[in-house]
Amino acid sequence: LSDVEGVYKDGKDGKQIISELTVSSARQLIENGVIQGGMIP
């Protein structure tokens, strides 16, 4: 429980939340810079 809605498809400025995310997809989003900043840890 935090102050973020979840992981967005288009990064922190996105509007659509990804409902389910696999581990490999999550790693890919970090590598691609979609997941940034405090969301990475």
PDB file of all heavy atoms in Angstrom:
ATOM      1  N   LEU A   1       0.868  -1.180   0.000  1.00  0.00           N
ATOM      2  CA  LEU A   1       0.000   0.000   0.000  1.00  0.00           C
ATOM      3  C   LEU A   1       0.900   1.223   0.000  1.00  0.00           C
ATOM      4  O   LEU A   1       1.677   1.438   0.932  1.00  0.00           O
ATOM      5  CB  LEU A   1      -0.898   0.030   1.237  1.00  0.00           C
ATOM      6  CG  LEU A   1      -1.834  -1.156   1.463  1.00  0.00           C
ATOM      7  CD1 LEU A   1      -2.812  -0.833   2.585  1.00  0.00           C
ATOM      8  CD2 LEU A   1      -2.591  -1.511   0.206  1.00  0.00           C
ATOM      9  N   SER A   2       0.819   2.024  -1.049  1.00  0.00           N
ATOM     10  CA  SER A   2       1.697   3.186  -1.154  1.00  0.00           C
ATOM     11  C   SER A   2       0.929   4.341  -1.781  1.00  0.00           C
ATOM     12  O   SER A   2      -0.301   4.316  -1.835  1.00  0.00           O
ATOM     13  CB  SER A   2       2.930   2.828  -1.999  1.00  0.00           C
ATOM     14  OG  SER A   2       2.529   2.465  -3.308  1.00  0.00           O
ATOM     15  N   ASP A   3       1.641   5.351  -2.259  1.00  0.00           N
ATOM     16  CA  ASP A   3       0.995   6.513  -2.870  1.00  0.00           C
ATOM     17  C   ASP A   3       1.117   6.491  -4.385  1.00  0.00           C
ATOM     18  O   ASP A   3       1.151   7.533  -5.042  1.00  0.00           O
ATOM     19  CB  ASP A   3       1.595   7.815  -2.312  1.00  0.00           C
ATOM     20  CG  ASP A   3       1.182   8.058  -0.867  1.00  0.00           C
ATOM     21  OD1 ASP A   3       0.241   7.393  -0.399  1.00  0.00           O
ATOM     22  OD2 ASP A   3       1.805   8.895  -0.199  1.00  0.00           O
ATOM     23  N   VAL A   4       1.226   5.298  -4.970  1.00  0.00           N
ATOM     24  CA  VAL A   4       1.229   5.152  -6.431  1.00  0.00           C
ATOM     25  C   VAL A   4       0.098   4.220  -6.829  1.00  0.00           C
ATOM     26  O   VAL A   4      -0.265   3.317  -6.084  1.00  0.00           O
ATOM     27  CB  VAL A   4       2.579   4.619  -6.961  1.00  0.00           C
ATOM     28  CG1 VAL A   4       3.693   5.628  -6.718  1.00  0.00           C
ATOM     29  CG2 VAL A   4       2.930   3.280  -6.327  1.00  0.00           C
ATOM     30  N   GLU A   5      -0.459   4.448  -8.013  1.00  0.00           N
ATOM     31  CA  GLU A   5      -1.616   3.658  -8.462  1.00  0.00           C
ATOM     32  C   GLU A   5      -1.225   2.274  -8.956  1.00  0.00           C
ATOM     33  O   GLU A   5      -2.042   1.360  -8.970  1.00  0.00           O
ATOM     34  CB  GLU A   5      -2.352   4.412  -9.583  1.00  0.00           C
ATOM     35  CG  GLU A   5      -2.987   5.709  -9.124  1.00  0.00           C
ATOM     36  CD  GLU A   5      -3.650   6.447 -10.270  1.00  0.00           C
ATOM     37  OE1 GLU A   5      -2.929   6.895 -11.181  1.00  0.00           O
ATOM     38  OE2 GLU A   5      -4.888   6.562 -10.259  1.00  0.00           O
ATOM     39  N   GLY A   6       0.028   2.138  -9.364  1.00  0.00           N
ATOM     40  CA  GLY A   6       0.497   0.888  -9.946  1.00  0.00           C
ATOM     41  C   GLY A   6       1.557   1.194 -10.978  1.00  0.00           C
ATOM     42  O   GLY A   6       2.181   2.260 -10.952  1.00  0.00           O
ATOM     43  N   VAL A   7       1.778   0.277 -11.920  1.00  0.00           N
ATOM     44  CA  VAL A   7       2.753   0.475 -12.992  1.00  0.00           C
ATOM     45  C   VAL A   7       1.996   0.887 -14.255  1.00  0.00           C
ATOM     46  O   VAL A   7       1.040   0.228 -14.665  1.00  0.00           O
ATOM     47  CB  VAL A   7       3.561  -0.815 -13.263  1.00  0.00           C
ATOM     48  CG1 VAL A   7       4.547  -0.599 -14.412  1.00  0.00           C
ATOM     49  CG2 VAL A   7       4.293  -1.255 -11.998  1.00  0.00           C
ATOM     50  N   TYR A   8       2.443   1.988 -14.867  1.00  0.00           N
ATOM     51  CA  TYR A   8       1.786   2.493 -16.074  1.00  0.00           C
ATOM     52  C   TYR A   8       2.431   1.926 -17.332  1.00  0.00           C
ATOM     53  O   TYR A   8       3.640   1.679 -17.367  1.00  0.00           O
ATOM     54  CB  TYR A   8       1.872   4.021 -16.135  1.00  0.00           C
ATOM     55  CG  TYR A   8       1.059   4.729 -15.081  1.00  0.00           C
ATOM     56  CD1 TYR A   8       1.675   5.296 -13.966  1.00  0.00           C
ATOM     57  CD2 TYR A   8      -0.319   4.833 -15.194  1.00  0.00           C
ATOM     58  CE1 TYR A   8       0.941   5.952 -12.996  1.00  0.00           C
ATOM     59  CE2 TYR A   8      -1.071   5.486 -14.227  1.00  0.00           C
ATOM     60  CZ  TYR A   8      -0.440   6.041 -13.134  1.00  0.00           C
ATOM     61  OH  TYR A   8      -1.173   6.680 -12.169  1.00  0.00           O
ATOM     62  N   LYS A   9       1.616   1.745 -18.379  1.00  0.00           N
ATOM     63  CA  LYS A   9       2.128   1.231 -19.655  1.00  0.00           C
ATOM     64  C   LYS A   9       3.151   2.168 -20.279  1.00  0.00           C
ATOM     65  O   LYS A   9       4.092   1.723 -20.918  1.00  0.00           O
ATOM     66  CB  LYS A   9       0.966   1.023 -20.636  1.00  0.00           C
ATOM     67  CG  LYS A   9       0.250  -0.296 -20.444  1.00  0.00           C
ATOM     68  CD  LYS A   9      -0.720  -0.576 -21.566  1.00  0.00           C
ATOM     69  CE  LYS A   9      -1.277  -1.992 -21.426  1.00  0.00           C
ATOM     70  NZ  LYS A   9      -2.284  -2.302 -22.447  1.00  0.00           N
ATOM     71  N   ASP A  10       2.957   3.468 -20.092  1.00  0.00           N
ATOM     72  CA  ASP A  10       3.845   4.456 -20.721  1.00  0.00           C
ATOM     73  C   ASP A  10       4.641   5.237 -19.697  1.00  0.00           C
ATOM     74  O   ASP A  10       4.899   6.433 -19.860  1.00  0.00           O
ATOM     75  CB  ASP A  10       3.022   5.418 -21.591  1.00  0.00           C
ATOM     76  CG  ASP A  10       2.211   4.689 -22.645  1.00  0.00           C
ATOM     77  OD1 ASP A  10       2.801   3.851 -23.343  1.00  0.00           O
ATOM     78  OD2 ASP A  10       1.000   4.928 -22.747  1.00  0.00           O
ATOM     79  N   GLY A  11       5.039   4.582 -18.623  1.00  0.00           N
ATOM     80  CA  GLY A  11       5.857   5.258 -17.622  1.00  0.00           C
ATOM     81  C   GLY A  11       5.039   6.123 -16.693  1.00  0.00           C
ATOM     82  O   GLY A  11       3.808   6.059 -16.649  1.00  0.00           O
ATOM     83  N   LYS A  12       5.738   6.979 -15.954  1.00  0.00           N
ATOM     84  CA  LYS A  12       5.079   7.741 -14.886  1.00  0.00           C
ATOM     85  C   LYS A  12       4.056   8.742 -15.414  1.00  0.00           C
ATOM     86  O   LYS A  12       3.169   9.165 -14.668  1.00  0.00           O
ATOM     87  CB  LYS A  12       6.117   8.464 -14.033  1.00  0.00           C
ATOM     88  CG  LYS A  12       6.929   9.506 -14.771  1.00  0.00           C
ATOM     89  CD  LYS A  12       7.910  10.185 -13.844  1.00  0.00           C
ATOM     90  CE  LYS A  12       8.692  11.262 -14.579  1.00  0.00           C
ATOM     91  NZ  LYS A  12       9.627  11.964 -13.704  1.00  0.00           N
ATOM     92  N   ASP A  13       4.170   9.148 -16.694  1.00  0.00           N
ATOM     93  CA  ASP A  13       3.204  10.097 -17.253  1.00  0.00           C
ATOM     94  C   ASP A  13       2.049   9.390 -17.959  1.00  0.00           C
ATOM     95  O   ASP A  13       1.198  10.032 -18.567  1.00  0.00           O
ATOM     96  CB  ASP A  13       3.909  11.045 -18.243  1.00  0.00           C
ATOM     97  CG  ASP A  13       4.954  11.894 -17.548  1.00  0.00           C
ATOM     98  OD1 ASP A  13       4.703  12.299 -16.397  1.00  0.00           O
ATOM     99  OD2 ASP A  13       6.021  12.133 -18.142  1.00  0.00           O
ATOM    100  N   GLY A  14       2.045   8.051 -17.904  1.00  0.00           N
ATOM    101  CA  GLY A  14       0.989   7.293 -18.572  1.00  0.00           C
ATOM    102  C   GLY A  14      -0.329   7.370 -17.835  1.00  0.00           C
ATOM    103  O   GLY A  14      -0.412   7.840 -16.707  1.00  0.00           O
ATOM    104  N   LYS A  15      -1.370   6.881 -18.491  1.00  0.00           N
ATOM    105  CA  LYS A  15      -2.693   6.912 -17.881  1.00  0.00           C
ATOM    106  C   LYS A  15      -3.239   5.500 -17.656  1.00  0.00           C
ATOM    107  O   LYS A  15      -4.087   5.299 -16.811  1.00  0.00           O
ATOM    108  CB  LYS A  15      -3.662   7.701 -18.774  1.00  0.00           C
ATOM    109  CG  LYS A  15      -3.283   9.175 -18.942  1.00  0.00           C
ATOM    110  CD  LYS A  15      -4.522  10.006 -19.117  1.00  0.00           C
ATOM    111  CE  LYS A  15      -4.285  11.460 -19.407  1.00  0.00           C
ATOM    112  NZ  LYS A  15      -3.265  12.139 -18.723  1.00  0.00           N
ATOM    113  N   GLN A  16      -2.752   4.538 -18.420  1.00  0.00           N
ATOM    114  CA  GLN A  16      -3.293   3.183 -18.316  1.00  0.00           C
ATOM    115  C   GLN A  16      -2.401   2.319 -17.425  1.00  0.00           C
ATOM    116  O   GLN A  16      -1.217   2.146 -17.675  1.00  0.00           O
ATOM    117  CB  GLN A  16      -3.423   2.543 -19.703  1.00  0.00           C
ATOM    118  CG  GLN A  16      -4.188   1.237 -19.647  1.00  0.00           C
ATOM    119  CD  GLN A  16      -4.476   0.689 -21.045  1.00  0.00           C
ATOM    120  OE1 GLN A  16      -4.218   1.341 -22.041  1.00  0.00           O
ATOM    121  NE2 GLN A  16      -5.014  -0.518 -21.100  1.00  0.00           N
ATOM    122  N   ILE A  17      -3.012   1.762 -16.376  1.00  0.00           N
ATOM    123  CA  ILE A  17      -2.274   0.910 -15.442  1.00  0.00           C
ATOM    124  C   ILE A  17      -2.215  -0.505 -15.989  1.00  0.00           C
ATOM    125  O   ILE A  17      -3.196  -1.017 -16.534  1.00  0.00           O
ATOM    126  CB  ILE A  17      -2.960   0.918 -14.061  1.00  0.00           C
ATOM    127  CG1 ILE A  17      -2.855   2.307 -13.428  1.00  0.00           C
ATOM    128  CG2 ILE A  17      -2.338  -0.105 -13.133  1.00  0.00           C
ATOM    129  CD1 ILE A  17      -3.664   2.466 -12.177  1.00  0.00           C
ATOM    130  N   ILE A  18      -1.057  -1.141 -15.869  1.00  0.00           N
ATOM    131  CA  ILE A  18      -0.911  -2.551 -16.237  1.00  0.00           C
ATOM    132  C   ILE A  18      -1.467  -3.393 -15.098  1.00  0.00           C
ATOM    133  O   ILE A  18      -0.981  -3.325 -13.976  1.00  0.00           O
ATOM    134  CB  ILE A  18       0.577  -2.902 -16.485  1.00  0.00           C
ATOM    135  CG1 ILE A  18       1.162  -2.012 -17.584  1.00  0.00           C
ATOM    136  CG2 ILE A  18       0.727  -4.371 -16.840  1.00  0.00           C
ATOM    137  CD1 ILE A  18       2.664  -2.163 -17.758  1.00  0.00           C
ATOM    138  N   SER A  19      -2.501  -4.177 -15.392  1.00  0.00           N
ATOM    139  CA  SER A  19      -3.163  -4.949 -14.340  1.00  0.00           C
ATOM    140  C   SER A  19      -2.312  -6.126 -13.876  1.00  0.00           C
ATOM    141  O   SER A  19      -2.239  -6.415 -12.682  1.00  0.00           O
ATOM    142  CB  SER A  19      -4.522  -5.456 -14.832  1.00  0.00           C
ATOM    143  OG  SER A  19      -5.373  -4.370 -15.104  1.00  0.00           O
ATOM    144  N   GLU A  20      -1.689  -6.837 -14.814  1.00  0.00           N
ATOM    145  CA  GLU A  20      -0.823  -7.971 -14.472  1.00  0.00           C
ATOM    146  C   GLU A  20       0.483  -7.851 -15.242  1.00  0.00           C
ATOM    147  O   GLU A  20       0.494  -7.560 -16.436  1.00  0.00           O
ATOM    148  CB  GLU A  20      -1.497  -9.304 -14.796  1.00  0.00           C
ATOM    149  CG  GLU A  20      -2.612  -9.643 -13.842  1.00  0.00           C
ATOM    150  CD  GLU A  20      -3.167 -11.045 -14.076  1.00  0.00           C
ATOM    151  OE1 GLU A  20      -3.170 -11.501 -15.236  1.00  0.00           O
ATOM    152  OE2 GLU A  20      -3.609 -11.670 -13.104  1.00  0.00           O
ATOM    153  N   LEU A  21       1.582  -8.093 -14.551  1.00  0.00           N
ATOM    154  CA  LEU A  21       2.909  -7.892 -15.125  1.00  0.00           C
ATOM    155  C   LEU A  21       3.792  -9.063 -14.713  1.00  0.00           C
ATOM    156  O   LEU A  21       3.951  -9.336 -13.523  1.00  0.00           O
ATOM    157  CB  LEU A  21       3.481  -6.576 -14.589  1.00  0.00           C
ATOM    158  CG  LEU A  21       4.805  -6.061 -15.139  1.00  0.00           C
ATOM    159  CD1 LEU A  21       4.697  -5.779 -16.633  1.00  0.00           C
ATOM    160  CD2 LEU A  21       5.217  -4.797 -14.390  1.00  0.00           C
ATOM    161  N   THR A  22       4.352  -9.768 -15.691  1.00  0.00           N
ATOM    162  CA  THR A  22       5.251 -10.878 -15.354  1.00  0.00           C
ATOM    163  C   THR A  22       6.620 -10.328 -14.950  1.00  0.00           C
ATOM    164  O   THR A  22       6.963  -9.184 -15.260  1.00  0.00           O
ATOM    165  CB  THR A  22       5.433 -11.829 -16.543  1.00  0.00           C
ATOM    166  OG1 THR A  22       6.040 -11.111 -17.623  1.00  0.00           O
ATOM    167  CG2 THR A  22       4.102 -12.427 -16.990  1.00  0.00           C
ATOM    168  N   VAL A  23       7.396 -11.171 -14.276  1.00  0.00           N
ATOM    169  CA  VAL A  23       8.726 -10.768 -13.824  1.00  0.00           C
ATOM    170  C   VAL A  23       9.603 -10.356 -15.007  1.00  0.00           C
ATOM    171  O   VAL A  23      10.278  -9.324 -14.963  1.00  0.00           O
ATOM    172  CB  VAL A  23       9.383 -11.923 -13.026  1.00  0.00           C
ATOM    173  CG1 VAL A  23      10.881 -11.679 -12.857  1.00  0.00           C
ATOM    174  CG2 VAL A  23       8.719 -12.068 -11.659  1.00  0.00           C
ATOM    175  N   SER A  24       9.580 -11.143 -16.087  1.00  0.00           N
ATOM    176  CA  SER A  24      10.429 -10.819 -17.247  1.00  0.00           C
ATOM    177  C   SER A  24       9.988  -9.504 -17.887  1.00  0.00           C
ATOM    178  O   SER A  24      10.825  -8.693 -18.310  1.00  0.00           O
ATOM    179  CB  SER A  24      10.402 -11.950 -18.284  1.00  0.00           C
ATOM    180  OG  SER A  24       9.094 -12.185 -18.745  1.00  0.00           O
ATOM    181  N   SER A  25       8.673  -9.258 -17.938  1.00  0.00           N
ATOM    182  CA  SER A  25       8.175  -7.994 -18.496  1.00  0.00           C
ATOM    183  C   SER A  25       8.571  -6.819 -17.607  1.00  0.00           C
ATOM    184  O   SER A  25       8.914  -5.739 -18.107  1.00  0.00           O
ATOM    185  CB  SER A  25       6.654  -8.030 -18.640  1.00  0.00           C
ATOM    186  OG  SER A  25       6.256  -9.024 -19.543  1.00  0.00           O
ATOM    187  N   ALA A  26       8.530  -7.020 -16.289  1.00  0.00           N
ATOM    188  CA  ALA A  26       8.916  -5.959 -15.356  1.00  0.00           C
ATOM    189  C   ALA A  26      10.387  -5.590 -15.546  1.00  0.00           C
ATOM    190  O   ALA A  26      10.741  -4.407 -15.575  1.00  0.00           O
ATOM    191  CB  ALA A  26       8.668  -6.416 -13.920  1.00  0.00           C
ATOM    192  N   ARG A  27      11.239  -6.610 -15.682  1.00  0.00           N
ATOM    193  CA  ARG A  27      12.667  -6.349 -15.917  1.00  0.00           C
ATOM    194  C   ARG A  27      12.866  -5.578 -17.224  1.00  0.00           C
ATOM    195  O   ARG A  27      13.689  -4.673 -17.309  1.00  0.00           O
ATOM    196  CB  ARG A  27      13.447  -7.670 -15.957  1.00  0.00           C
ATOM    197  CG  ARG A  27      13.615  -8.320 -14.579  1.00  0.00           C
ATOM    198  CD  ARG A  27      14.695  -9.382 -14.631  1.00  0.00           C
ATOM    199  NE  ARG A  27      14.985  -9.909 -13.309  1.00  0.00           N
ATOM    200  CZ  ARG A  27      14.664 -11.120 -12.885  1.00  0.00           C
ATOM    201  NH1 ARG A  27      14.030 -11.954 -13.705  1.00  0.00           N
ATOM    202  NH2 ARG A  27      14.974 -11.523 -11.670  1.00  0.00           N
ATOM    203  N   GLN A  28      12.093  -5.961 -18.243  1.00  0.00           N
ATOM    204  CA  GLN A  28      12.192  -5.292 -19.544  1.00  0.00           C
ATOM    205  C   GLN A  28      11.783  -3.820 -19.438  1.00  0.00           C
ATOM    206  O   GLN A  28      12.434  -2.940 -20.016  1.00  0.00           O
ATOM    207  CB  GLN A  28      11.296  -6.009 -20.562  1.00  0.00           C
ATOM    208  CG  GLN A  28      11.548  -5.626 -22.017  1.00  0.00           C
ATOM    209  CD  GLN A  28      12.909  -6.071 -22.523  1.00  0.00           C
ATOM    210  OE1 GLN A  28      13.262  -7.226 -22.370  1.00  0.00           O
ATOM    211  NE2 GLN A  28      13.677  -5.163 -23.087  1.00  0.00           N
ATOM    212  N   LEU A  29      10.740  -3.541 -18.669  1.00  0.00           N
ATOM    213  CA  LEU A  29      10.282  -2.162 -18.513  1.00  0.00           C
ATOM    214  C   LEU A  29      11.316  -1.313 -17.774  1.00  0.00           C
ATOM    215  O   LEU A  29      11.458  -0.120 -18.044  1.00  0.00           O
ATOM    216  CB  LEU A  29       8.944  -2.133 -17.765  1.00  0.00           C
ATOM    217  CG  LEU A  29       7.727  -2.667 -18.522  1.00  0.00           C
ATOM    218  CD1 LEU A  29       6.489  -2.679 -17.632  1.00  0.00           C
ATOM    219  CD2 LEU A  29       7.463  -1.864 -19.786  1.00  0.00           C
ATOM    220  N   ILE A  30      12.052  -1.934 -16.843  1.00  0.00           N
ATOM    221  CA  ILE A  30      13.132  -1.213 -16.159  1.00  0.00           C
ATOM    222  C   ILE A  30      14.256  -0.910 -17.143  1.00  0.00           C
ATOM    223  O   ILE A  30      14.763   0.216 -17.220  1.00  0.00           O
ATOM    224  CB  ILE A  30      13.663  -2.035 -14.958  1.00  0.00           C
ATOM    225  CG1 ILE A  30      12.605  -2.111 -13.852  1.00  0.00           C
ATOM    226  CG2 ILE A  30      14.943  -1.395 -14.399  1.00  0.00           C
ATOM    227  CD1 ILE A  30      12.971  -3.042 -12.699  1.00  0.00           C
ATOM    228  N   GLU A  31      14.640  -1.928 -17.933  1.00  0.00           N
ATOM    229  CA  GLU A  31      15.718  -1.744 -18.920  1.00  0.00           C
ATOM    230  C   GLU A  31      15.362  -0.685 -19.950  1.00  0.00           C
ATOM    231  O   GLU A  31      16.215   0.094 -20.389  1.00  0.00           O
ATOM    232  CB  GLU A  31      16.007  -3.072 -19.640  1.00  0.00           C
ATOM    233  CG  GLU A  31      16.767  -4.077 -18.790  1.00  0.00           C
ATOM    234  CD  GLU A  31      16.963  -5.400 -19.514  1.00  0.00           C
ATOM    235  OE1 GLU A  31      16.945  -5.405 -20.762  1.00  0.00           O
ATOM    236  OE2 GLU A  31      17.131  -6.422 -18.822  1.00  0.00           O
ATOM    237  N   ASN A  32      14.086  -0.651 -20.344  1.00  0.00           N
ATOM    238  CA  ASN A  32      13.645   0.300 -21.375  1.00  0.00           C
ATOM    239  C   ASN A  32      13.388   1.697 -20.822  1.00  0.00           C
ATOM    240  O   ASN A  32      13.041   2.614 -21.569  1.00  0.00           O
ATOM    241  CB  ASN A  32      12.370  -0.203 -22.056  1.00  0.00           C
ATOM    242  CG  ASN A  32      12.599  -1.478 -22.842  1.00  0.00           C
ATOM    243  OD1 ASN A  32      13.745  -1.828 -23.136  1.00  0.00           O
ATOM    244  ND2 ASN A  32      11.534  -2.187 -23.179  1.00  0.00           N
ATOM    245  N   GLY A  33      13.522   1.865 -19.510  1.00  0.00           N
ATOM    246  CA  GLY A  33      13.319   3.180 -18.910  1.00  0.00           C
ATOM    247  C   GLY A  33      11.873   3.557 -18.683  1.00  0.00           C
ATOM    248  O   GLY A  33      11.570   4.703 -18.337  1.00  0.00           O
ATOM    249  N   VAL A  34      10.938   2.596 -18.878  1.00  0.00           N
ATOM    250  CA  VAL A  34       9.522   2.875 -18.628  1.00  0.00           C
ATOM    251  C   VAL A  34       9.281   2.980 -17.121  1.00  0.00           C
ATOM    252  O   VAL A  34       8.576   3.862 -16.643  1.00  0.00           O
ATOM    253  CB  VAL A  34       8.618   1.784 -19.257  1.00  0.00           C
ATOM    254  CG1 VAL A  34       7.153   2.019 -18.888  1.00  0.00           C
ATOM    255  CG2 VAL A  34       8.794   1.771 -20.771  1.00  0.00           C
ATOM    256  N   ILE A  35       9.879   2.063 -16.371  1.00  0.00           N
ATOM    257  CA  ILE A  35       9.849   2.137 -14.913  1.00  0.00           C
ATOM    258  C   ILE A  35      11.077   2.910 -14.461  1.00  0.00           C
ATOM    259  O   ILE A  35      12.208   2.539 -14.799  1.00  0.00           O
ATOM    260  CB  ILE A  35       9.839   0.727 -14.284  1.00  0.00           C
ATOM    261  CG1 ILE A  35       8.543   0.001 -14.660  1.00  0.00           C
ATOM    262  CG2 ILE A  35       9.983   0.802 -12.770  1.00  0.00           C
ATOM    263  CD1 ILE A  35       8.494  -1.451 -14.223  1.00  0.00           C
ATOM    264  N   GLN A  36      10.867   3.997 -13.713  1.00  0.00           N
ATOM    265  CA  GLN A  36      11.971   4.892 -13.358  1.00  0.00           C
ATOM    266  C   GLN A  36      11.935   5.254 -11.871  1.00  0.00           C
ATOM    267  O   GLN A  36      10.967   4.989 -11.170  1.00  0.00           O
ATOM    268  CB  GLN A  36      11.874   6.194 -14.186  1.00  0.00           C
ATOM    269  CG  GLN A  36      11.902   6.003 -15.681  1.00  0.00           C
ATOM    270  CD  GLN A  36      11.677   7.321 -16.421  1.00  0.00           C
ATOM    271  OE1 GLN A  36      11.367   8.348 -15.824  1.00  0.00           O
ATOM    272  NE2 GLN A  36      11.832   7.284 -17.732  1.00  0.00           N
ATOM    273  N   GLY A  37      13.003   5.909 -11.443  1.00  0.00           N
ATOM    274  CA  GLY A  37      13.062   6.545 -10.124  1.00  0.00           C
ATOM    275  C   GLY A  37      12.777   5.595  -8.983  1.00  0.00           C
ATOM    276  O   GLY A  37      13.263   4.460  -8.929  1.00  0.00           O
ATOM    277  N   GLY A  38      11.951   6.084  -8.049  1.00  0.00           N
ATOM    278  CA  GLY A  38      11.656   5.336  -6.830  1.00  0.00           C
ATOM    279  C   GLY A  38      10.860   4.063  -7.077  1.00  0.00           C
ATOM    280  O   GLY A  38      10.784   3.194  -6.197  1.00  0.00           O
ATOM    281  N   MET A  39      10.259   3.937  -8.275  1.00  0.00           N
ATOM    282  CA  MET A  39       9.514   2.711  -8.580  1.00  0.00           C
ATOM    283  C   MET A  39      10.456   1.539  -8.852  1.00  0.00           C
ATOM    284  O   MET A  39      10.082   0.377  -8.651  1.00  0.00           O
ATOM    285  CB  MET A  39       8.597   2.957  -9.795  1.00  0.00           C
ATOM    286  CG  MET A  39       7.703   1.784 -10.145  1.00  0.00           C
ATOM    287  SD  MET A  39       6.567   1.304  -8.825  1.00  0.00           S
ATOM    288  CE  MET A  39       5.189   2.373  -9.175  1.00  0.00           C
ATOM    289  N   ILE A  40      11.706   1.828  -9.257  1.00  0.00           N
ATOM    290  CA  ILE A  40      12.645   0.744  -9.574  1.00  0.00           C
ATOM    291  C   ILE A  40      12.928  -0.141  -8.363  1.00  0.00           C
ATOM    292  O   ILE A  40      12.757  -1.366  -8.452  1.00  0.00           O
ATOM    293  CB  ILE A  40      13.954   1.302 -10.181  1.00  0.00           C
ATOM    294  CG1 ILE A  40      13.675   1.894 -11.569  1.00  0.00           C
ATOM    295  CG2 ILE A  40      15.021   0.200 -10.288  1.00  0.00           C
ATOM    296  CD1 ILE A  40      14.873   2.570 -12.219  1.00  0.00           C
ATOM    297  N   PRO A  41      13.352   0.428  -7.192  1.00  0.00           N
ATOM    298  CA  PRO A  41      13.588  -0.459  -6.052  1.00  0.00           C
ATOM    299  C   PRO A  41      12.333  -1.186  -5.585  1.00  0.00           C
ATOM    300  O   PRO A  41      12.407  -2.317  -5.108  1.00  0.00           O
ATOM    301  CB  PRO A  41      14.131   0.473  -4.961  1.00  0.00           C
ATOM    302  CG  PRO A  41      13.787   1.864  -5.394  1.00  0.00           C
ATOM    303  CD  PRO A  41      13.728   1.820  -6.882  1.00  0.00           C
TER     304      PRO A  41
END
